[in-house]
Amino acid sequence: MPFNHENLKVYQRTLPFNAKVAIWTDQWERRHALCDQLSRAAASMLENIAVASAAYSTMKLRGLDFAIGSSLECAACLDLARIKQLLDIKSAHKEKEELSRILRMLVGLRKSWALSGQSVRETSAEYSTQGEEVDKAHDKARDKEDGESALFHHETLDVYKVGILAATALCSSDTVARLPNPVFRRLDQLLTSMVLNIAEGNGRFSDADQARFLGTSHESTIKLAARLDLCVTQNLLPQDEVNGWKVLLQRVSVMTSSMIVGIQR
């Protein structure tokens, strides 16, 4: 007899995505922090769907909340993979479209369980939410300025856009690419944390969780700025280049701080 989660379409859809993640990360240089982050987030999405299907009471919804957050983290990882040219633009967008479908299914399943006593079953039309207020975790966003349709709500946030600009600037720098592995790794960990926590926090349902993830992003931004200063002091990076990056980091810092204050009021 199969486990409950094996009957869920969203679980079956998450399996091949995890298989692809394993192939990608096996081919990428381990110095990139997103290798570990994407592997962990994809596995978390899969495992929490399974655990949620076997859980009782509110723990079912909690498990799906974790899976939803992990799907958003995966989407942000794919943005970084595109920026780092680990995936081409077309492939990254295609995989994000698949993640968007998975996310919608997860949000719909969460609604179904919340309204039906949390039994393990799926609604028709792959969790259609037509006629209901659409949750921001899977809200269809307006087109981006560059004309590419946004697949996730966090992609429309100014703070995320500036974070992506900062990531693009650092990842396109030849001087950053030539840094010793330990130095590069630490900078990349902080940069990745800054971006991913904005995305995951935006999809959380509770104010406390949203503030917590934004706080982690804010802290990573400050730490990244400090690490860049250290690189300048050690003559590893040029001052003028770092100054430009810190302007973007300052904007992220101000916006995340403001968002946290707004949530906590």
C-alpha atoms as a PDB file:
ATOM      1  CA  MET A   1       0.000   0.000   0.000  1.00  0.00           C
ATOM      2  CA  PRO A   2       1.488   3.377  -0.984  1.00  0.00           C
ATOM      3  CA  PHE A   3       2.195   6.183   1.459  1.00  0.00           C
ATOM      4  CA  ASN A   4      -0.351   9.001   1.507  1.00  0.00           C
ATOM      5  CA  HIS A   5       2.055  11.448  -0.096  1.00  0.00           C
ATOM      6  CA  GLU A   6       2.557   9.173  -3.107  1.00  0.00           C
ATOM      7  CA  ASN A   7      -1.028   9.908  -4.139  1.00  0.00           C
ATOM      8  CA  LEU A   8      -0.429  13.660  -4.270  1.00  0.00           C
ATOM      9  CA  LYS A   9       0.174  15.094  -7.732  1.00  0.00           C
ATOM     10  CA  VAL A  10       2.310  17.875  -6.309  1.00  0.00           C
ATOM     11  CA  TYR A  11       4.612  15.297  -4.700  1.00  0.00           C
ATOM     12  CA  GLN A  12       5.001  13.417  -7.975  1.00  0.00           C
ATOM     13  CA  ARG A  13       5.752  16.703  -9.728  1.00  0.00           C
ATOM     14  CA  THR A  14       8.462  17.575  -7.215  1.00  0.00           C
ATOM     15  CA  LEU A  15      10.397  14.339  -7.747  1.00  0.00           C
ATOM     16  CA  PRO A  16      11.730  15.118 -11.258  1.00  0.00           C
ATOM     17  CA  PHE A  17      12.649  18.651 -10.193  1.00  0.00           C
ATOM     18  CA  ASN A  18      14.808  17.219  -7.417  1.00  0.00           C
ATOM     19  CA  ALA A  19      16.427  14.855  -9.903  1.00  0.00           C
ATOM     20  CA  LYS A  20      17.325  17.782 -12.168  1.00  0.00           C
ATOM     21  CA  VAL A  21      18.738  19.756  -9.248  1.00  0.00           C
ATOM     22  CA  ALA A  22      21.053  16.850  -8.431  1.00  0.00           C
ATOM     23  CA  ILE A  23      22.348  16.827 -12.016  1.00  0.00           C
ATOM     24  CA  TRP A  24      22.905  20.604 -12.107  1.00  0.00           C
ATOM     25  CA  THR A  25      24.661  20.914  -8.775  1.00  0.00           C
ATOM     26  CA  ASP A  26      26.905  17.966  -9.578  1.00  0.00           C
ATOM     27  CA  GLN A  27      28.156  19.917 -12.610  1.00  0.00           C
ATOM     28  CA  TRP A  28      28.589  23.300 -10.882  1.00  0.00           C
ATOM     29  CA  GLU A  29      31.663  24.425  -8.969  1.00  0.00           C
ATOM     30  CA  ARG A  30      31.188  23.876  -5.255  1.00  0.00           C
ATOM     31  CA  ARG A  31      32.474  27.380  -4.491  1.00  0.00           C
ATOM     32  CA  HIS A  32      29.006  28.646  -5.440  1.00  0.00           C
ATOM     33  CA  ALA A  33      26.849  28.797  -2.309  1.00  0.00           C
ATOM     34  CA  LEU A  34      23.687  28.154  -4.292  1.00  0.00           C
ATOM     35  CA  CYS A  35      24.816  24.554  -4.927  1.00  0.00           C
ATOM     36  CA  ASP A  36      24.162  23.664  -1.303  1.00  0.00           C
ATOM     37  CA  GLN A  37      21.205  26.030  -0.985  1.00  0.00           C
ATOM     38  CA  LEU A  38      19.364  24.734  -4.040  1.00  0.00           C
ATOM     39  CA  SER A  39      19.984  21.096  -3.103  1.00  0.00           C
ATOM     40  CA  ARG A  40      18.732  21.705   0.426  1.00  0.00           C
ATOM     41  CA  ALA A  41      15.682  23.734  -0.663  1.00  0.00           C
ATOM     42  CA  ALA A  42      14.606  21.217  -3.304  1.00  0.00           C
ATOM     43  CA  ALA A  43      14.931  18.350  -0.823  1.00  0.00           C
ATOM     44  CA  SER A  44      13.048  20.355   1.818  1.00  0.00           C
ATOM     45  CA  MET A  45      10.191  20.929  -0.601  1.00  0.00           C
ATOM     46  CA  LEU A  46       9.937  17.197  -1.325  1.00  0.00           C
ATOM     47  CA  GLU A  47      10.313  15.999   2.255  1.00  0.00           C
ATOM     48  CA  ASN A  48       7.910  18.500   3.791  1.00  0.00           C
ATOM     49  CA  ILE A  49       5.160  17.534   1.356  1.00  0.00           C
ATOM     50  CA  ALA A  50       5.606  13.931   2.466  1.00  0.00           C
ATOM     51  CA  VAL A  51       5.719  14.799   6.167  1.00  0.00           C
ATOM     52  CA  ALA A  52       2.703  17.114   5.890  1.00  0.00           C
ATOM     53  CA  SER A  53       0.587  14.375   4.341  1.00  0.00           C
ATOM     54  CA  ALA A  54       1.230  12.134   7.355  1.00  0.00           C
ATOM     55  CA  ALA A  55       0.943  14.820  10.034  1.00  0.00           C
ATOM     56  CA  TYR A  56      -2.026  15.682  12.220  1.00  0.00           C
ATOM     57  CA  SER A  57      -3.857  18.910  13.004  1.00  0.00           C
ATOM     58  CA  THR A  58      -2.081  22.193  12.268  1.00  0.00           C
ATOM     59  CA  MET A  59       1.222  20.402  11.650  1.00  0.00           C
ATOM     60  CA  LYS A  60      -0.096  19.523   8.196  1.00  0.00           C
ATOM     61  CA  LEU A  61      -0.336  23.200   7.290  1.00  0.00           C
ATOM     62  CA  ARG A  62       3.012  23.916   8.914  1.00  0.00           C
ATOM     63  CA  GLY A  63       4.648  21.274   6.722  1.00  0.00           C
ATOM     64  CA  LEU A  64       3.140  22.823   3.608  1.00  0.00           C
ATOM     65  CA  ASP A  65       4.307  26.265   4.746  1.00  0.00           C
ATOM     66  CA  PHE A  66       7.852  24.917   4.828  1.00  0.00           C
ATOM     67  CA  ALA A  67       7.420  23.398   1.357  1.00  0.00           C
ATOM     68  CA  ILE A  68       6.033  26.679  -0.007  1.00  0.00           C
ATOM     69  CA  GLY A  69       8.969  28.614   1.420  1.00  0.00           C
ATOM     70  CA  SER A  70      11.412  26.123  -0.061  1.00  0.00           C
ATOM     71  CA  SER A  71       9.823  26.414  -3.509  1.00  0.00           C
ATOM     72  CA  LEU A  72      10.346  30.191  -3.396  1.00  0.00           C
ATOM     73  CA  GLU A  73      13.925  29.654  -2.284  1.00  0.00           C
ATOM     74  CA  CYS A  74      14.435  27.348  -5.277  1.00  0.00           C
ATOM     75  CA  ALA A  75      13.079  30.036  -7.602  1.00  0.00           C
ATOM     76  CA  ALA A  76      15.535  32.600  -6.238  1.00  0.00           C
ATOM     77  CA  CYS A  77      18.352  30.063  -6.624  1.00  0.00           C
ATOM     78  CA  LEU A  78      17.457  29.731 -10.298  1.00  0.00           C
ATOM     79  CA  ASP A  79      17.694  33.519 -10.670  1.00  0.00           C
ATOM     80  CA  LEU A  80      21.195  33.378  -9.218  1.00  0.00           C
ATOM     81  CA  ALA A  81      22.105  30.415 -11.422  1.00  0.00           C
ATOM     82  CA  ARG A  82      21.107  32.483 -14.455  1.00  0.00           C
ATOM     83  CA  ILE A  83      23.107  35.482 -13.246  1.00  0.00           C
ATOM     84  CA  LYS A  84      26.151  33.267 -12.702  1.00  0.00           C
ATOM     85  CA  GLN A  85      25.594  31.720 -16.158  1.00  0.00           C
ATOM     86  CA  LEU A  86      25.272  28.269 -14.630  1.00  0.00           C
ATOM     87  CA  LEU A  87      21.940  27.992 -16.444  1.00  0.00           C
ATOM     88  CA  ASP A  88      21.035  29.798 -19.649  1.00  0.00           C
ATOM     89  CA  ILE A  89      18.144  32.257 -19.629  1.00  0.00           C
ATOM     90  CA  LYS A  90      15.739  29.938 -21.453  1.00  0.00           C
ATOM     91  CA  SER A  91      16.420  26.954 -19.193  1.00  0.00           C
ATOM     92  CA  ALA A  92      16.168  29.021 -16.020  1.00  0.00           C
ATOM     93  CA  HIS A  93      12.828  30.494 -17.082  1.00  0.00           C
ATOM     94  CA  LYS A  94      11.466  27.083 -18.055  1.00  0.00           C
ATOM     95  CA  GLU A  95      12.362  25.602 -14.681  1.00  0.00           C
ATOM     96  CA  LYS A  96      10.902  28.608 -12.882  1.00  0.00           C
ATOM     97  CA  GLU A  97       7.652  28.060 -14.767  1.00  0.00           C
ATOM     98  CA  GLU A  98       7.599  24.504 -13.423  1.00  0.00           C
ATOM     99  CA  LEU A  99       8.302  25.775  -9.905  1.00  0.00           C
ATOM    100  CA  SER A 100       5.473  28.277 -10.299  1.00  0.00           C
ATOM    101  CA  ARG A 101       3.089  25.415 -11.077  1.00  0.00           C
ATOM    102  CA  ILE A 102       4.336  23.470  -8.060  1.00  0.00           C
ATOM    103  CA  LEU A 103       3.892  26.531  -5.859  1.00  0.00           C
ATOM    104  CA  ARG A 104       0.312  27.060  -7.017  1.00  0.00           C
ATOM    105  CA  MET A 105      -0.451  23.437  -6.299  1.00  0.00           C
ATOM    106  CA  LEU A 106       1.043  23.737  -2.816  1.00  0.00           C
ATOM    107  CA  VAL A 107      -0.924  26.887  -2.003  1.00  0.00           C
ATOM    108  CA  GLY A 108      -4.108  25.320  -3.348  1.00  0.00           C
ATOM    109  CA  LEU A 109      -3.516  22.140  -1.358  1.00  0.00           C
ATOM    110  CA  ARG A 110      -2.993  24.215   1.766  1.00  0.00           C
ATOM    111  CA  LYS A 111      -6.358  25.903   1.196  1.00  0.00           C
ATOM    112  CA  SER A 112      -8.025  22.577   0.541  1.00  0.00           C
ATOM    113  CA  TRP A 113      -6.692  21.052   3.756  1.00  0.00           C
ATOM    114  CA  ALA A 114      -7.578  24.138   5.798  1.00  0.00           C
ATOM    115  CA  LEU A 115     -11.179  24.090   4.548  1.00  0.00           C
ATOM    116  CA  SER A 116     -11.807  20.340   4.626  1.00  0.00           C
ATOM    117  CA  GLY A 117     -10.531  19.234   8.009  1.00  0.00           C
ATOM    118  CA  GLN A 118      -7.031  18.645   6.622  1.00  0.00           C
ATOM    119  CA  SER A 119      -7.728  15.317   4.955  1.00  0.00           C
ATOM    120  CA  VAL A 120      -5.139  14.150   2.463  1.00  0.00           C
ATOM    121  CA  ARG A 121      -6.852  14.795  -0.835  1.00  0.00           C
ATOM    122  CA  GLU A 122      -6.531  17.149  -3.756  1.00  0.00           C
ATOM    123  CA  THR A 123      -9.075  19.426  -5.336  1.00  0.00           C
ATOM    124  CA  SER A 124      -9.887  19.359  -9.022  1.00  0.00           C
ATOM    125  CA  ALA A 125      -8.060  21.292 -11.711  1.00  0.00           C
ATOM    126  CA  GLU A 126      -4.794  21.035  -9.798  1.00  0.00           C
ATOM    127  CA  TYR A 127      -5.916  23.227  -6.893  1.00  0.00           C
ATOM    128  CA  SER A 128      -7.631  25.954  -8.866  1.00  0.00           C
ATOM    129  CA  THR A 129      -8.313  28.999  -6.708  1.00  0.00           C
ATOM    130  CA  GLN A 130     -10.493  30.831  -9.199  1.00  0.00           C
ATOM    131  CA  GLY A 131     -12.968  33.124  -7.470  1.00  0.00           C
ATOM    132  CA  GLU A 132     -10.965  33.318  -4.249  1.00  0.00           C
ATOM    133  CA  GLU A 133      -8.580  35.989  -3.064  1.00  0.00           C
ATOM    134  CA  VAL A 134      -5.214  35.009  -4.491  1.00  0.00           C
ATOM    135  CA  ASP A 135      -2.468  34.554  -1.909  1.00  0.00           C
ATOM    136  CA  LYS A 136       0.592  36.681  -2.453  1.00  0.00           C
ATOM    137  CA  ALA A 137       2.745  33.571  -2.397  1.00  0.00           C
ATOM    138  CA  HIS A 138       1.551  32.658  -5.879  1.00  0.00           C
ATOM    139  CA  ASP A 139       0.037  35.886  -7.151  1.00  0.00           C
ATOM    140  CA  LYS A 140       0.485  36.557 -10.841  1.00  0.00           C
ATOM    141  CA  ALA A 141       2.584  39.676 -11.023  1.00  0.00           C
ATOM    142  CA  ARG A 142       2.703  42.388 -13.619  1.00  0.00           C
ATOM    143  CA  ASP A 143       5.252  42.281 -16.365  1.00  0.00           C
ATOM    144  CA  LYS A 144       8.757  43.243 -15.425  1.00  0.00           C
ATOM    145  CA  GLU A 145      10.326  46.349 -16.865  1.00  0.00           C
ATOM    146  CA  ASP A 146      12.338  44.219 -19.266  1.00  0.00           C
ATOM    147  CA  GLY A 147       9.166  42.656 -20.623  1.00  0.00           C
ATOM    148  CA  GLU A 148       9.621  39.220 -19.074  1.00  0.00           C
ATOM    149  CA  SER A 149       6.533  38.072 -17.224  1.00  0.00           C
ATOM    150  CA  ALA A 150       7.133  37.714 -13.484  1.00  0.00           C
ATOM    151  CA  LEU A 151       6.287  34.250 -12.197  1.00  0.00           C
ATOM    152  CA  PHE A 152       6.548  34.976  -8.468  1.00  0.00           C
ATOM    153  CA  HIS A 153       5.308  37.844  -6.338  1.00  0.00           C
ATOM    154  CA  HIS A 154       8.733  38.518  -4.817  1.00  0.00           C
ATOM    155  CA  GLU A 155      10.072  39.341  -8.296  1.00  0.00           C
ATOM    156  CA  THR A 156       7.924  42.487  -8.287  1.00  0.00           C
ATOM    157  CA  LEU A 157       9.363  43.805  -5.016  1.00  0.00           C
ATOM    158  CA  ASP A 158      11.816  46.695  -5.334  1.00  0.00           C
ATOM    159  CA  VAL A 159      13.999  45.193  -2.621  1.00  0.00           C
ATOM    160  CA  TYR A 160      14.320  41.935  -4.567  1.00  0.00           C
ATOM    161  CA  LYS A 161      15.052  43.763  -7.815  1.00  0.00           C
ATOM    162  CA  VAL A 162      17.843  45.758  -6.162  1.00  0.00           C
ATOM    163  CA  GLY A 163      19.176  42.574  -4.568  1.00  0.00           C
ATOM    164  CA  ILE A 164      19.329  40.980  -8.009  1.00  0.00           C
ATOM    165  CA  LEU A 165      21.113  44.071  -9.360  1.00  0.00           C
ATOM    166  CA  ALA A 166      23.702  43.742  -6.596  1.00  0.00           C
ATOM    167  CA  ALA A 167      24.122  40.035  -7.322  1.00  0.00           C
ATOM    168  CA  THR A 168      24.531  40.746 -11.033  1.00  0.00           C
ATOM    169  CA  ALA A 169      27.182  43.388 -10.350  1.00  0.00           C
ATOM    170  CA  LEU A 170      29.249  41.175  -8.065  1.00  0.00           C
ATOM    171  CA  CYS A 171      28.898  38.028 -10.150  1.00  0.00           C
ATOM    172  CA  SER A 172      29.954  39.809 -13.356  1.00  0.00           C
ATOM    173  CA  SER A 173      33.149  41.151 -11.771  1.00  0.00           C
ATOM    174  CA  ASP A 174      36.393  39.551 -12.915  1.00  0.00           C
ATOM    175  CA  THR A 175      38.105  40.629  -9.704  1.00  0.00           C
ATOM    176  CA  VAL A 176      35.512  38.794  -7.619  1.00  0.00           C
ATOM    177  CA  ALA A 177      35.884  35.684  -9.775  1.00  0.00           C
ATOM    178  CA  ARG A 178      39.647  35.693  -9.135  1.00  0.00           C
ATOM    179  CA  LEU A 179      39.333  35.883  -5.350  1.00  0.00           C
ATOM    180  CA  PRO A 180      40.773  33.005  -3.293  1.00  0.00           C
ATOM    181  CA  ASN A 181      38.142  30.325  -2.753  1.00  0.00           C
ATOM    182  CA  PRO A 182      37.622  30.939   0.997  1.00  0.00           C
ATOM    183  CA  VAL A 183      37.113  34.679   0.406  1.00  0.00           C
ATOM    184  CA  PHE A 184      34.854  34.136  -2.600  1.00  0.00           C
ATOM    185  CA  ARG A 185      32.844  31.524  -0.744  1.00  0.00           C
ATOM    186  CA  ARG A 186      32.083  33.805   2.198  1.00  0.00           C
ATOM    187  CA  LEU A 187      31.046  36.710  -0.032  1.00  0.00           C
ATOM    188  CA  ASP A 188      28.864  34.380  -2.072  1.00  0.00           C
ATOM    189  CA  GLN A 189      27.227  32.873   1.010  1.00  0.00           C
ATOM    190  CA  LEU A 190      26.183  36.303   2.235  1.00  0.00           C
ATOM    191  CA  LEU A 191      25.041  37.460  -1.201  1.00  0.00           C
ATOM    192  CA  THR A 192      22.989  34.292  -1.664  1.00  0.00           C
ATOM    193  CA  SER A 193      21.445  34.624   1.795  1.00  0.00           C
ATOM    194  CA  MET A 194      20.486  38.240   1.097  1.00  0.00           C
ATOM    195  CA  VAL A 195      18.565  37.304  -2.051  1.00  0.00           C
ATOM    196  CA  LEU A 196      17.024  34.005  -0.950  1.00  0.00           C
ATOM    197  CA  ASN A 197      15.643  35.272   2.350  1.00  0.00           C
ATOM    198  CA  ILE A 198      13.806  38.111   0.617  1.00  0.00           C
ATOM    199  CA  ALA A 199      12.111  35.596  -1.664  1.00  0.00           C
ATOM    200  CA  GLU A 200      11.233  33.057   1.012  1.00  0.00           C
ATOM    201  CA  GLY A 201      10.106  35.637   3.552  1.00  0.00           C
ATOM    202  CA  ASN A 202       7.688  37.192   1.078  1.00  0.00           C
ATOM    203  CA  GLY A 203       5.851  33.893   0.744  1.00  0.00           C
ATOM    204  CA  ARG A 204       5.412  33.238   4.445  1.00  0.00           C
ATOM    205  CA  PHE A 205       1.905  33.500   5.876  1.00  0.00           C
ATOM    206  CA  SER A 206       2.694  34.910   9.326  1.00  0.00           C
ATOM    207  CA  ASP A 207       4.064  38.365  10.095  1.00  0.00           C
ATOM    208  CA  ALA A 208       6.592  36.856  12.489  1.00  0.00           C
ATOM    209  CA  ASP A 209       8.036  34.601   9.782  1.00  0.00           C
ATOM    210  CA  GLN A 210       8.139  37.418   7.250  1.00  0.00           C
ATOM    211  CA  ALA A 211      10.011  39.661   9.685  1.00  0.00           C
ATOM    212  CA  ARG A 212      12.409  36.855  10.595  1.00  0.00           C
ATOM    213  CA  PHE A 213      13.433  36.155   7.010  1.00  0.00           C
ATOM    214  CA  LEU A 214      13.741  39.846   6.186  1.00  0.00           C
ATOM    215  CA  GLY A 215      15.890  40.215   9.289  1.00  0.00           C
ATOM    216  CA  THR A 216      18.204  37.480   8.058  1.00  0.00           C
ATOM    217  CA  SER A 217      18.438  39.172   4.653  1.00  0.00           C
ATOM    218  CA  HIS A 218      19.159  42.517   6.313  1.00  0.00           C
ATOM    219  CA  GLU A 219      21.884  41.011   8.482  1.00  0.00           C
ATOM    220  CA  SER A 220      23.497  39.257   5.509  1.00  0.00           C
ATOM    221  CA  THR A 221      23.509  42.539   3.585  1.00  0.00           C
ATOM    222  CA  ILE A 222      25.346  44.347   6.384  1.00  0.00           C
ATOM    223  CA  LYS A 223      27.836  41.504   6.769  1.00  0.00           C
ATOM    224  CA  LEU A 224      28.458  41.476   3.015  1.00  0.00           C
ATOM    225  CA  ALA A 225      29.242  45.201   3.044  1.00  0.00           C
ATOM    226  CA  ALA A 226      31.694  44.637   5.899  1.00  0.00           C
ATOM    227  CA  ARG A 227      33.383  41.761   4.070  1.00  0.00           C
ATOM    228  CA  LEU A 228      33.777  43.918   0.976  1.00  0.00           C
ATOM    229  CA  ASP A 229      35.474  46.581   3.107  1.00  0.00           C
ATOM    230  CA  LEU A 230      37.870  43.929   4.367  1.00  0.00           C
ATOM    231  CA  CYS A 231      38.659  42.867   0.798  1.00  0.00           C
ATOM    232  CA  VAL A 232      39.554  46.473  -0.026  1.00  0.00           C
ATOM    233  CA  THR A 233      41.788  46.694   3.045  1.00  0.00           C
ATOM    234  CA  GLN A 234      43.527  43.480   1.953  1.00  0.00           C
ATOM    235  CA  ASN A 235      43.951  44.848  -1.602  1.00  0.00           C
ATOM    236  CA  LEU A 236      41.824  42.028  -2.979  1.00  0.00           C
ATOM    237  CA  LEU A 237      39.173  44.303  -4.516  1.00  0.00           C
ATOM    238  CA  PRO A 238      39.380  47.882  -5.870  1.00  0.00           C
ATOM    239  CA  GLN A 239      37.765  50.622  -3.791  1.00  0.00           C
ATOM    240  CA  ASP A 240      35.844  52.196  -6.681  1.00  0.00           C
ATOM    241  CA  GLU A 241      34.224  48.909  -7.664  1.00  0.00           C
ATOM    242  CA  VAL A 242      33.259  48.118  -4.083  1.00  0.00           C
ATOM    243  CA  ASN A 243      31.793  51.593  -3.601  1.00  0.00           C
ATOM    244  CA  GLY A 244      29.356  50.954  -6.457  1.00  0.00           C
ATOM    245  CA  TRP A 245      28.256  47.644  -4.989  1.00  0.00           C
ATOM    246  CA  LYS A 246      27.809  49.142  -1.528  1.00  0.00           C
ATOM    247  CA  VAL A 247      25.402  51.730  -2.922  1.00  0.00           C
ATOM    248  CA  LEU A 248      23.121  48.859  -3.957  1.00  0.00           C
ATOM    249  CA  LEU A 249      23.632  47.041  -0.663  1.00  0.00           C
ATOM    250  CA  GLN A 250      22.742  50.196   1.228  1.00  0.00           C
ATOM    251  CA  ARG A 251      19.457  50.361  -0.659  1.00  0.00           C
ATOM    252  CA  VAL A 252      18.672  46.742   0.201  1.00  0.00           C
ATOM    253  CA  SER A 253      19.546  47.406   3.832  1.00  0.00           C
ATOM    254  CA  VAL A 254      17.258  50.429   4.064  1.00  0.00           C
ATOM    255  CA  MET A 255      14.358  48.663   2.342  1.00  0.00           C
ATOM    256  CA  THR A 256      14.550  45.470   4.410  1.00  0.00           C
ATOM    257  CA  SER A 257      14.759  47.516   7.604  1.00  0.00           C
ATOM    258  CA  SER A 258      11.744  49.585   6.581  1.00  0.00           C
ATOM    259  CA  MET A 259       9.748  46.464   5.692  1.00  0.00           C
ATOM    260  CA  ILE A 260      10.501  44.885   9.068  1.00  0.00           C
ATOM    261  CA  VAL A 261       9.330  48.008  10.895  1.00  0.00           C
ATOM    262  CA  GLY A 262       6.159  48.069   8.785  1.00  0.00           C
ATOM    263  CA  ILE A 263       5.369  44.443   9.627  1.00  0.00           C
ATOM    264  CA  GLN A 264       5.959  44.888  13.346  1.00  0.00           C
ATOM    265  CA  ARG A 265       3.703  47.943  13.721  1.00  0.00           C
END
